[in-house]
Amino acid sequence: MGLKDRFRNSTGLSTAVDLRRRIKVLEDEVQECRALSLRLAELTDVVTELLLPVAQRDQARLEELLERYHRSL
């Protein structure tokens, strides 16, 4: 098997082209995970604020957190 053959897959596409395509898919998945992590963090902030006793709750902050979370949906 020659060096050129090592860099080809069964469809004849070069491994470099295949790797570029796979990297693009992985980058898209990472971006989706980042967006989901951000939404989870925002939701966690809302829940944390809601768990505080009413006397300690910052109503303005709670409304801001809820608004930010609703915008992200």
PDB file of N, CA and C in Angstrom:
ATOM      1  N   MET A   1       0.861  -1.166   0.000  1.00  0.00           N
ATOM      2  CA  MET A   1       0.000   0.000   0.000  1.00  0.00           C
ATOM      3  C   MET A   1       0.909   1.231   0.000  1.00  0.00           C
ATOM      4  N   GLY A   2       0.700   2.109  -0.977  1.00  0.00           N
ATOM      5  CA  GLY A   2       1.501   3.313  -1.071  1.00  0.00           C
ATOM      6  C   GLY A   2       1.037   4.388  -0.111  1.00  0.00           C
ATOM      7  N   LEU A   3       1.882   5.403   0.028  1.00  0.00           N
ATOM      8  CA  LEU A   3       1.564   6.508   0.927  1.00  0.00           C
ATOM      9  C   LEU A   3       0.269   7.194   0.522  1.00  0.00           C
ATOM     10  N   LYS A   4       0.057   7.375  -0.778  1.00  0.00           N
ATOM     11  CA  LYS A   4      -1.165   8.027  -1.257  1.00  0.00           C
ATOM     12  C   LYS A   4      -2.402   7.212  -0.886  1.00  0.00           C
ATOM     13  N   ASP A   5      -2.295   5.893  -0.963  1.00  0.00           N
ATOM     14  CA  ASP A   5      -3.422   5.022  -0.636  1.00  0.00           C
ATOM     15  C   ASP A   5      -3.801   5.100   0.848  1.00  0.00           C
ATOM     16  N   ARG A   6      -2.821   5.361   1.693  1.00  0.00           N
ATOM     17  CA  ARG A   6      -3.100   5.466   3.120  1.00  0.00           C
ATOM     18  C   ARG A   6      -3.998   6.660   3.431  1.00  0.00           C
ATOM     19  N   PHE A   7      -3.985   7.665   2.586  1.00  0.00           N
ATOM     20  CA  PHE A   7      -4.743   8.885   2.822  1.00  0.00           C
ATOM     21  C   PHE A   7      -6.015   8.938   1.995  1.00  0.00           C
ATOM     22  N   ARG A   8      -6.531   7.818   1.634  1.00  0.00           N
ATOM     23  CA  ARG A   8      -7.799   7.745   0.919  1.00  0.00           C
ATOM     24  C   ARG A   8      -8.714   6.779   1.653  1.00  0.00           C
ATOM     25  N   ASN A   9     -10.014   7.149   1.695  1.00  0.00           N
ATOM     26  CA  ASN A   9     -10.953   6.209   2.306  1.00  0.00           C
ATOM     27  C   ASN A   9     -11.607   5.391   1.201  1.00  0.00           C
ATOM     28  N   SER A  10     -12.558   4.557   1.546  1.00  0.00           N
ATOM     29  CA  SER A  10     -13.145   3.621   0.582  1.00  0.00           C
ATOM     30  C   SER A  10     -13.905   4.325  -0.536  1.00  0.00           C
ATOM     31  N   THR A  11     -14.346   5.575  -0.349  1.00  0.00           N
ATOM     32  CA  THR A  11     -15.078   6.274  -1.406  1.00  0.00           C
ATOM     33  C   THR A  11     -14.144   7.046  -2.315  1.00  0.00           C
ATOM     34  N   GLY A  12     -12.859   7.042  -2.012  1.00  0.00           N
ATOM     35  CA  GLY A  12     -11.907   7.740  -2.848  1.00  0.00           C
ATOM     36  C   GLY A  12     -11.645   9.168  -2.414  1.00  0.00           C
ATOM     37  N   LEU A  13     -12.385   9.659  -1.434  1.00  0.00           N
ATOM     38  CA  LEU A  13     -12.145  11.009  -0.936  1.00  0.00           C
ATOM     39  C   LEU A  13     -10.902  10.999  -0.068  1.00  0.00           C
ATOM     40  N   SER A  14     -10.156  12.058  -0.124  1.00  0.00           N
ATOM     41  CA  SER A  14      -8.960  12.102   0.706  1.00  0.00           C
ATOM     42  C   SER A  14      -9.353  12.174   2.171  1.00  0.00           C
ATOM     43  N   THR A  15      -8.505  11.662   2.992  1.00  0.00           N
ATOM     44  CA  THR A  15      -8.755  11.685   4.423  1.00  0.00           C
ATOM     45  C   THR A  15      -8.844  13.117   4.916  1.00  0.00           C
ATOM     46  N   ALA A  16      -8.061  14.009   4.342  1.00  0.00           N
ATOM     47  CA  ALA A  16      -8.079  15.409   4.760  1.00  0.00           C
ATOM     48  C   ALA A  16      -9.460  16.023   4.556  1.00  0.00           C
ATOM     49  N   VAL A  17     -10.096  15.738   3.434  1.00  0.00           N
ATOM     50  CA  VAL A  17     -11.439  16.257   3.169  1.00  0.00           C
ATOM     51  C   VAL A  17     -12.427  15.660   4.159  1.00  0.00           C
ATOM     52  N   ASP A  18     -12.301  14.371   4.411  1.00  0.00           N
ATOM     53  CA  ASP A  18     -13.176  13.701   5.373  1.00  0.00           C
ATOM     54  C   ASP A  18     -12.977  14.280   6.773  1.00  0.00           C
ATOM     55  N   LEU A  19     -11.727  14.518   7.142  1.00  0.00           N
ATOM     56  CA  LEU A  19     -11.452  15.091   8.459  1.00  0.00           C
ATOM     57  C   LEU A  19     -12.012  16.501   8.583  1.00  0.00           C
ATOM     58  N   ARG A  20     -11.912  17.298   7.531  1.00  0.00           N
ATOM     59  CA  ARG A  20     -12.487  18.652   7.565  1.00  0.00           C
ATOM     60  C   ARG A  20     -13.993  18.589   7.806  1.00  0.00           C
ATOM     61  N   ARG A  21     -14.651  17.669   7.133  1.00  0.00           N
ATOM     62  CA  ARG A  21     -16.093  17.511   7.293  1.00  0.00           C
ATOM     63  C   ARG A  21     -16.423  17.078   8.721  1.00  0.00           C
ATOM     64  N   ARG A  22     -15.661  16.140   9.246  1.00  0.00           N
ATOM     65  CA  ARG A  22     -15.894  15.666  10.615  1.00  0.00           C
ATOM     66  C   ARG A  22     -15.625  16.770  11.638  1.00  0.00           C
ATOM     67  N   ILE A  23     -14.593  17.564  11.405  1.00  0.00           N
ATOM     68  CA  ILE A  23     -14.295  18.678  12.308  1.00  0.00           C
ATOM     69  C   ILE A  23     -15.439  19.678  12.300  1.00  0.00           C
ATOM     70  N   LYS A  24     -15.999  19.974  11.147  1.00  0.00           N
ATOM     71  CA  LYS A  24     -17.122  20.910  11.048  1.00  0.00           C
ATOM     72  C   LYS A  24     -18.313  20.391  11.852  1.00  0.00           C
ATOM     73  N   VAL A  25     -18.611  19.117  11.738  1.00  0.00           N
ATOM     74  CA  VAL A  25     -19.717  18.518  12.497  1.00  0.00           C
ATOM     75  C   VAL A  25     -19.444  18.635  13.993  1.00  0.00           C
ATOM     76  N   LEU A  26     -18.221  18.337  14.404  1.00  0.00           N
ATOM     77  CA  LEU A  26     -17.869  18.431  15.819  1.00  0.00           C
ATOM     78  C   LEU A  26     -17.941  19.866  16.325  1.00  0.00           C
ATOM     79  N   GLU A  27     -17.497  20.822  15.512  1.00  0.00           N
ATOM     80  CA  GLU A  27     -17.587  22.230  15.907  1.00  0.00           C
ATOM     81  C   GLU A  27     -19.040  22.651  16.097  1.00  0.00           C
ATOM     82  N   ASP A  28     -19.911  22.205  15.205  1.00  0.00           N
ATOM     83  CA  ASP A  28     -21.341  22.506  15.328  1.00  0.00           C
ATOM     84  C   ASP A  28     -21.912  21.911  16.612  1.00  0.00           C
ATOM     85  N   GLU A  29     -21.509  20.687  16.933  1.00  0.00           N
ATOM     86  CA  GLU A  29     -21.995  20.039  18.146  1.00  0.00           C
ATOM     87  C   GLU A  29     -21.474  20.755  19.394  1.00  0.00           C
ATOM     88  N   VAL A  30     -20.223  21.197  19.364  1.00  0.00           N
ATOM     89  CA  VAL A  30     -19.665  21.937  20.499  1.00  0.00           C
ATOM     90  C   VAL A  30     -20.435  23.236  20.693  1.00  0.00           C
ATOM     91  N   GLN A  31     -20.749  23.929  19.604  1.00  0.00           N
ATOM     92  CA  GLN A  31     -21.505  25.174  19.708  1.00  0.00           C
ATOM     93  C   GLN A  31     -22.888  24.926  20.301  1.00  0.00           C
ATOM     94  N   GLU A  32     -23.521  23.843  19.896  1.00  0.00           N
ATOM     95  CA  GLU A  32     -24.828  23.493  20.456  1.00  0.00           C
ATOM     96  C   GLU A  32     -24.715  23.194  21.952  1.00  0.00           C
ATOM     97  N   CYS A  33     -23.657  22.488  22.352  1.00  0.00           N
ATOM     98  CA  CYS A  33     -23.450  22.197  23.779  1.00  0.00           C
ATOM     99  C   CYS A  33     -23.219  23.479  24.565  1.00  0.00           C
ATOM    100  N   ARG A  34     -22.484  24.424  23.988  1.00  0.00           N
ATOM    101  CA  ARG A  34     -22.257  25.701  24.666  1.00  0.00           C
ATOM    102  C   ARG A  34     -23.573  26.448  24.876  1.00  0.00           C
ATOM    103  N   ALA A  35     -24.411  26.454  23.849  1.00  0.00           N
ATOM    104  CA  ALA A  35     -25.698  27.143  23.960  1.00  0.00           C
ATOM    105  C   ALA A  35     -26.576  26.481  25.024  1.00  0.00           C
ATOM    106  N   LEU A  36     -26.581  25.156  25.049  1.00  0.00           N
ATOM    107  CA  LEU A  36     -27.370  24.445  26.064  1.00  0.00           C
ATOM    108  C   LEU A  36     -26.823  24.689  27.465  1.00  0.00           C
ATOM    109  N   SER A  37     -25.512  24.735  27.598  1.00  0.00           N
ATOM    110  CA  SER A  37     -24.905  25.006  28.899  1.00  0.00           C
ATOM    111  C   SER A  37     -25.271  26.396  29.394  1.00  0.00           C
ATOM    112  N   LEU A  38     -25.281  27.358  28.496  1.00  0.00           N
ATOM    113  CA  LEU A  38     -25.662  28.716  28.867  1.00  0.00           C
ATOM    114  C   LEU A  38     -27.112  28.765  29.327  1.00  0.00           C
ATOM    115  N   ARG A  39     -27.998  28.099  28.595  1.00  0.00           N
ATOM    116  CA  ARG A  39     -29.411  28.067  28.990  1.00  0.00           C
ATOM    117  C   ARG A  39     -29.589  27.386  30.337  1.00  0.00           C
ATOM    118  N   LEU A  40     -28.843  26.307  30.577  1.00  0.00           N
ATOM    119  CA  LEU A  40     -28.913  25.617  31.863  1.00  0.00           C
ATOM    120  C   LEU A  40     -28.427  26.530  32.993  1.00  0.00           C
ATOM    121  N   ALA A  41     -27.347  27.264  32.757  1.00  0.00           N
ATOM    122  CA  ALA A  41     -26.833  28.187  33.771  1.00  0.00           C
ATOM    123  C   ALA A  41     -27.859  29.279  34.078  1.00  0.00           C
ATOM    124  N   GLU A  42     -28.511  29.797  33.037  1.00  0.00           N
ATOM    125  CA  GLU A  42     -29.538  30.822  33.258  1.00  0.00           C
ATOM    126  C   GLU A  42     -30.710  30.264  34.056  1.00  0.00           C
ATOM    127  N   LEU A  43     -31.128  29.066  33.730  1.00  0.00           N
ATOM    128  CA  LEU A  43     -32.230  28.434  34.460  1.00  0.00           C
ATOM    129  C   LEU A  43     -31.837  28.162  35.911  1.00  0.00           C
ATOM    130  N   THR A  44     -30.609  27.754  36.122  1.00  0.00           N
ATOM    131  CA  THR A  44     -30.114  27.524  37.474  1.00  0.00           C
ATOM    132  C   THR A  44     -30.150  28.811  38.287  1.00  0.00           C
ATOM    133  N   ASP A  45     -29.775  29.933  37.662  1.00  0.00           N
ATOM    134  CA  ASP A  45     -29.847  31.230  38.342  1.00  0.00           C
ATOM    135  C   ASP A  45     -31.274  31.557  38.765  1.00  0.00           C
ATOM    136  N   VAL A  46     -32.220  31.304  37.876  1.00  0.00           N
ATOM    137  CA  VAL A  46     -33.636  31.573  38.181  1.00  0.00           C
ATOM    138  C   VAL A  46     -34.093  30.708  39.348  1.00  0.00           C
ATOM    139  N   VAL A  47     -33.803  29.427  39.292  1.00  0.00           N
ATOM    140  CA  VAL A  47     -34.238  28.503  40.342  1.00  0.00           C
ATOM    141  C   VAL A  47     -33.590  28.879  41.676  1.00  0.00           C
ATOM    142  N   THR A  48     -32.308  29.229  41.639  1.00  0.00           N
ATOM    143  CA  THR A  48     -31.615  29.630  42.864  1.00  0.00           C
ATOM    144  C   THR A  48     -32.290  30.834  43.499  1.00  0.00           C
ATOM    145  N   GLU A  49     -32.632  31.809  42.669  1.00  0.00           N
ATOM    146  CA  GLU A  49     -33.301  33.008  43.191  1.00  0.00           C
ATOM    147  C   GLU A  49     -34.683  32.668  43.750  1.00  0.00           C
ATOM    148  N   LEU A  50     -35.388  31.765  43.093  1.00  0.00           N
ATOM    149  CA  LEU A  50     -36.723  31.384  43.568  1.00  0.00           C
ATOM    150  C   LEU A  50     -36.687  30.605  44.879  1.00  0.00           C
ATOM    151  N   LEU A  51     -35.593  29.921  45.148  1.00  0.00           N
ATOM    152  CA  LEU A  51     -35.483  29.126  46.371  1.00  0.00           C
ATOM    153  C   LEU A  51     -35.183  29.972  47.604  1.00  0.00           C
ATOM    154  N   LEU A  52     -34.785  31.207  47.395  1.00  0.00           N
ATOM    155  CA  LEU A  52     -34.528  32.085  48.532  1.00  0.00           C
ATOM    156  C   LEU A  52     -35.841  32.435  49.230  1.00  0.00           C
ATOM    157  N   PRO A  53     -35.791  32.610  50.529  1.00  0.00           N
ATOM    158  CA  PRO A  53     -36.998  33.071  51.222  1.00  0.00           C
ATOM    159  C   PRO A  53     -37.435  34.422  50.652  1.00  0.00           C
ATOM    160  N   VAL A  54     -38.708  34.674  50.633  1.00  0.00           N
ATOM    161  CA  VAL A  54     -39.266  35.879  50.021  1.00  0.00           C
ATOM    162  C   VAL A  54     -38.603  37.143  50.570  1.00  0.00           C
ATOM    163  N   ALA A  55     -38.326  37.178  51.860  1.00  0.00           N
ATOM    164  CA  ALA A  55     -37.728  38.364  52.472  1.00  0.00           C
ATOM    165  C   ALA A  55     -36.320  38.637  51.939  1.00  0.00           C
ATOM    166  N   GLN A  56     -35.621  37.602  51.490  1.00  0.00           N
ATOM    167  CA  GLN A  56     -34.257  37.762  50.985  1.00  0.00           C
ATOM    168  C   GLN A  56     -34.208  37.892  49.467  1.00  0.00           C
ATOM    169  N   ARG A  57     -35.295  37.660  48.818  1.00  0.00           N
ATOM    170  CA  ARG A  57     -35.347  37.621  47.354  1.00  0.00           C
ATOM    171  C   ARG A  57     -35.225  39.025  46.780  1.00  0.00           C
ATOM    172  N   ASP A  58     -34.425  39.162  45.762  1.00  0.00           N
ATOM    173  CA  ASP A  58     -34.287  40.415  45.017  1.00  0.00           C
ATOM    174  C   ASP A  58     -35.247  40.331  43.824  1.00  0.00           C
ATOM    175  N   GLN A  59     -36.415  40.940  43.962  1.00  0.00           N
ATOM    176  CA  GLN A  59     -37.465  40.824  42.947  1.00  0.00           C
ATOM    177  C   GLN A  59     -37.008  41.373  41.597  1.00  0.00           C
ATOM    178  N   ALA A  60     -36.274  42.468  41.606  1.00  0.00           N
ATOM    179  CA  ALA A  60     -35.790  43.045  40.348  1.00  0.00           C
ATOM    180  C   ALA A  60     -34.824  42.084  39.650  1.00  0.00           C
ATOM    181  N   ARG A  61     -33.934  41.468  40.426  1.00  0.00           N
ATOM    182  CA  ARG A  61     -32.990  40.497  39.845  1.00  0.00           C
ATOM    183  C   ARG A  61     -33.743  39.294  39.315  1.00  0.00           C
ATOM    184  N   LEU A  62     -34.728  38.825  40.051  1.00  0.00           N
ATOM    185  CA  LEU A  62     -35.516  37.681  39.612  1.00  0.00           C
ATOM    186  C   LEU A  62     -36.213  37.982  38.284  1.00  0.00           C
ATOM    187  N   GLU A  63     -36.813  39.159  38.177  1.00  0.00           N
ATOM    188  CA  GLU A  63     -37.485  39.532  36.927  1.00  0.00           C
ATOM    189  C   GLU A  63     -36.494  39.632  35.775  1.00  0.00           C
ATOM    190  N   GLU A  64     -35.309  40.166  36.060  1.00  0.00           N
ATOM    191  CA  GLU A  64     -34.270  40.252  35.024  1.00  0.00           C
ATOM    192  C   GLU A  64     -33.832  38.861  34.572  1.00  0.00           C
ATOM    193  N   LEU A  65     -33.622  37.959  35.529  1.00  0.00           N
ATOM    194  CA  LEU A  65     -33.224  36.590  35.197  1.00  0.00           C
ATOM    195  C   LEU A  65     -34.297  35.880  34.385  1.00  0.00           C
ATOM    196  N   LEU A  66     -35.544  36.049  34.784  1.00  0.00           N
ATOM    197  CA  LEU A  66     -36.646  35.425  34.045  1.00  0.00           C
ATOM    198  C   LEU A  66     -36.742  35.985  32.626  1.00  0.00           C
ATOM    199  N   GLU A  67     -36.579  37.281  32.485  1.00  0.00           N
ATOM    200  CA  GLU A  67     -36.634  37.901  31.157  1.00  0.00           C
ATOM    201  C   GLU A  67     -35.502  37.377  30.273  1.00  0.00           C
ATOM    202  N   ARG A  68     -34.295  37.298  30.823  1.00  0.00           N
ATOM    203  CA  ARG A  68     -33.148  36.789  30.058  1.00  0.00           C
ATOM    204  C   ARG A  68     -33.386  35.344  29.635  1.00  0.00           C
ATOM    205  N   TYR A  69     -33.939  34.543  30.557  1.00  0.00           N
ATOM    206  CA  TYR A  69     -34.213  33.149  30.230  1.00  0.00           C
ATOM    207  C   TYR A  69     -35.277  33.044  29.140  1.00  0.00           C
ATOM    208  N   HIS A  70     -36.328  33.813  29.231  1.00  0.00           N
ATOM    209  CA  HIS A  70     -37.386  33.771  28.211  1.00  0.00           C
ATOM    210  C   HIS A  70     -36.863  34.210  26.848  1.00  0.00           C
ATOM    211  N   ARG A  71     -35.975  35.181  26.825  1.00  0.00           N
ATOM    212  CA  ARG A  71     -35.392  35.625  25.543  1.00  0.00           C
ATOM    213  C   ARG A  71     -34.550  34.532  24.909  1.00  0.00           C
ATOM    214  N   SER A  72     -33.922  33.698  25.745  1.00  0.00           N
ATOM    215  CA  SER A  72     -33.047  32.641  25.216  1.00  0.00           C
ATOM    216  C   SER A  72     -33.835  31.479  24.633  1.00  0.00           C
ATOM    217  N   LEU A  73     -35.123  31.402  24.949  1.00  0.00           N
ATOM    218  CA  LEU A  73     -35.938  30.302  24.407  1.00  0.00           C
ATOM    219  C   LEU A  73     -36.233  30.601  23.000  1.00  0.00           C
TER     220      LEU A  73
END
